[in-house]
Amino acid sequence: MLASVLGFFFGPLGLLYVGWAPALIMFGVNVLVGIFTAGVGLILTWPLSAVVGWSRANLYNRKLLERS
């Protein structure tokens, strides 16, 4: 839950909560989309950071449950 909230409000910076690799990838995607669409495409990619954050946190939690 926290990962998706951070991803929604802070975009790629919020993804640092779940790892540096997803944060760097989403940052690169946001930069490219922002340049090629004059910022309009960020309407789609910014909330995508929330989805990626939720997905990565969910994957991590599932792995923890499988270990125990």
C-alpha atoms as a PDB file:
ATOM      1  CA  MET A   1       0.000   0.000   0.000  1.00  0.00           C
ATOM      2  CA  LEU A   2       2.734   2.433   0.960  1.00  0.00           C
ATOM      3  CA  ALA A   3       4.702   1.667  -2.199  1.00  0.00           C
ATOM      4  CA  SER A   4       1.754   2.549  -4.431  1.00  0.00           C
ATOM      5  CA  VAL A   5       1.034   5.769  -2.514  1.00  0.00           C
ATOM      6  CA  LEU A   6       4.668   6.845  -2.770  1.00  0.00           C
ATOM      7  CA  GLY A   7       4.709   5.962  -6.461  1.00  0.00           C
ATOM      8  CA  PHE A   8       1.551   7.962  -7.083  1.00  0.00           C
ATOM      9  CA  PHE A   9       2.588  11.110  -5.246  1.00  0.00           C
ATOM     10  CA  PHE A  10       6.314  11.115  -5.985  1.00  0.00           C
ATOM     11  CA  GLY A  11       6.434   9.195  -9.265  1.00  0.00           C
ATOM     12  CA  PRO A  12       9.725   7.432  -9.921  1.00  0.00           C
ATOM     13  CA  LEU A  13      11.247   8.822  -6.723  1.00  0.00           C
ATOM     14  CA  GLY A  14       8.594   6.961  -4.741  1.00  0.00           C
ATOM     15  CA  LEU A  15       9.820   3.742  -6.310  1.00  0.00           C
ATOM     16  CA  LEU A  16      13.071   4.040  -4.405  1.00  0.00           C
ATOM     17  CA  TYR A  17      11.084   2.430  -1.576  1.00  0.00           C
ATOM     18  CA  VAL A  18      10.978  -0.852  -3.527  1.00  0.00           C
ATOM     19  CA  GLY A  19      14.368  -0.684  -5.224  1.00  0.00           C
ATOM     20  CA  TRP A  20      16.706   1.467  -7.213  1.00  0.00           C
ATOM     21  CA  ALA A  21      16.358  -0.462 -10.494  1.00  0.00           C
ATOM     22  CA  PRO A  22      12.596   0.123 -10.939  1.00  0.00           C
ATOM     23  CA  ALA A  23      13.081   3.745  -9.912  1.00  0.00           C
ATOM     24  CA  LEU A  24      15.796   4.307 -12.531  1.00  0.00           C
ATOM     25  CA  ILE A  25      13.813   2.563 -15.246  1.00  0.00           C
ATOM     26  CA  MET A  26      10.649   4.563 -14.546  1.00  0.00           C
ATOM     27  CA  PHE A  27      12.663   7.753 -14.308  1.00  0.00           C
ATOM     28  CA  GLY A  28      14.106   7.078 -17.754  1.00  0.00           C
ATOM     29  CA  VAL A  29      10.673   6.253 -19.149  1.00  0.00           C
ATOM     30  CA  ASN A  30       9.226   9.449 -17.683  1.00  0.00           C
ATOM     31  CA  VAL A  31      12.046  11.559 -19.104  1.00  0.00           C
ATOM     32  CA  LEU A  32      11.653  10.069 -22.585  1.00  0.00           C
ATOM     33  CA  VAL A  33       7.871  10.315 -22.559  1.00  0.00           C
ATOM     34  CA  GLY A  34       8.043  13.828 -21.161  1.00  0.00           C
ATOM     35  CA  ILE A  35      10.419  14.958 -23.899  1.00  0.00           C
ATOM     36  CA  PHE A  36       8.604  13.338 -26.817  1.00  0.00           C
ATOM     37  CA  THR A  37       5.092  14.357 -25.734  1.00  0.00           C
ATOM     38  CA  ALA A  38       5.910  17.765 -24.220  1.00  0.00           C
ATOM     39  CA  GLY A  39       4.870  16.432 -20.807  1.00  0.00           C
ATOM     40  CA  VAL A  40       1.375  15.305 -21.820  1.00  0.00           C
ATOM     41  CA  GLY A  41       2.332  11.617 -21.712  1.00  0.00           C
ATOM     42  CA  LEU A  42       3.175  11.929 -18.025  1.00  0.00           C
ATOM     43  CA  ILE A  43      -0.557  11.722 -17.378  1.00  0.00           C
ATOM     44  CA  LEU A  44      -0.190   8.010 -18.153  1.00  0.00           C
ATOM     45  CA  THR A  45       3.307   7.237 -16.929  1.00  0.00           C
ATOM     46  CA  TRP A  46       3.102   8.980 -13.555  1.00  0.00           C
ATOM     47  CA  PRO A  47       0.271   6.743 -12.230  1.00  0.00           C
ATOM     48  CA  LEU A  48       2.114   3.803 -13.753  1.00  0.00           C
ATOM     49  CA  SER A  49       4.737   4.394 -11.060  1.00  0.00           C
ATOM     50  CA  ALA A  50       2.071   3.598  -8.468  1.00  0.00           C
ATOM     51  CA  VAL A  51       1.205   0.351 -10.244  1.00  0.00           C
ATOM     52  CA  VAL A  52       4.864  -0.646 -10.525  1.00  0.00           C
ATOM     53  CA  GLY A  53       5.395   0.165  -6.834  1.00  0.00           C
ATOM     54  CA  TRP A  54       2.424  -1.952  -5.809  1.00  0.00           C
ATOM     55  CA  SER A  55       3.543  -4.789  -8.067  1.00  0.00           C
ATOM     56  CA  ARG A  56       7.130  -4.851  -6.782  1.00  0.00           C
ATOM     57  CA  ALA A  57       6.043  -4.673  -3.135  1.00  0.00           C
ATOM     58  CA  ASN A  58       3.512  -7.450  -3.713  1.00  0.00           C
ATOM     59  CA  LEU A  59       6.172  -9.631  -5.352  1.00  0.00           C
ATOM     60  CA  TYR A  60       8.550  -9.047  -2.447  1.00  0.00           C
ATOM     61  CA  ASN A  61       5.857  -9.905   0.106  1.00  0.00           C
ATOM     62  CA  ARG A  62       4.943 -13.101  -1.747  1.00  0.00           C
ATOM     63  CA  LYS A  63       8.593 -14.184  -1.710  1.00  0.00           C
ATOM     64  CA  LEU A  64       8.741 -13.589   2.040  1.00  0.00           C
ATOM     65  CA  LEU A  65       5.625 -15.688   2.616  1.00  0.00           C
ATOM     66  CA  GLU A  66       7.033 -18.557   0.525  1.00  0.00           C
ATOM     67  CA  ARG A  67      10.201 -18.664   2.637  1.00  0.00           C
ATOM     68  CA  SER A  68       8.351 -19.107   5.909  1.00  0.00           C
END
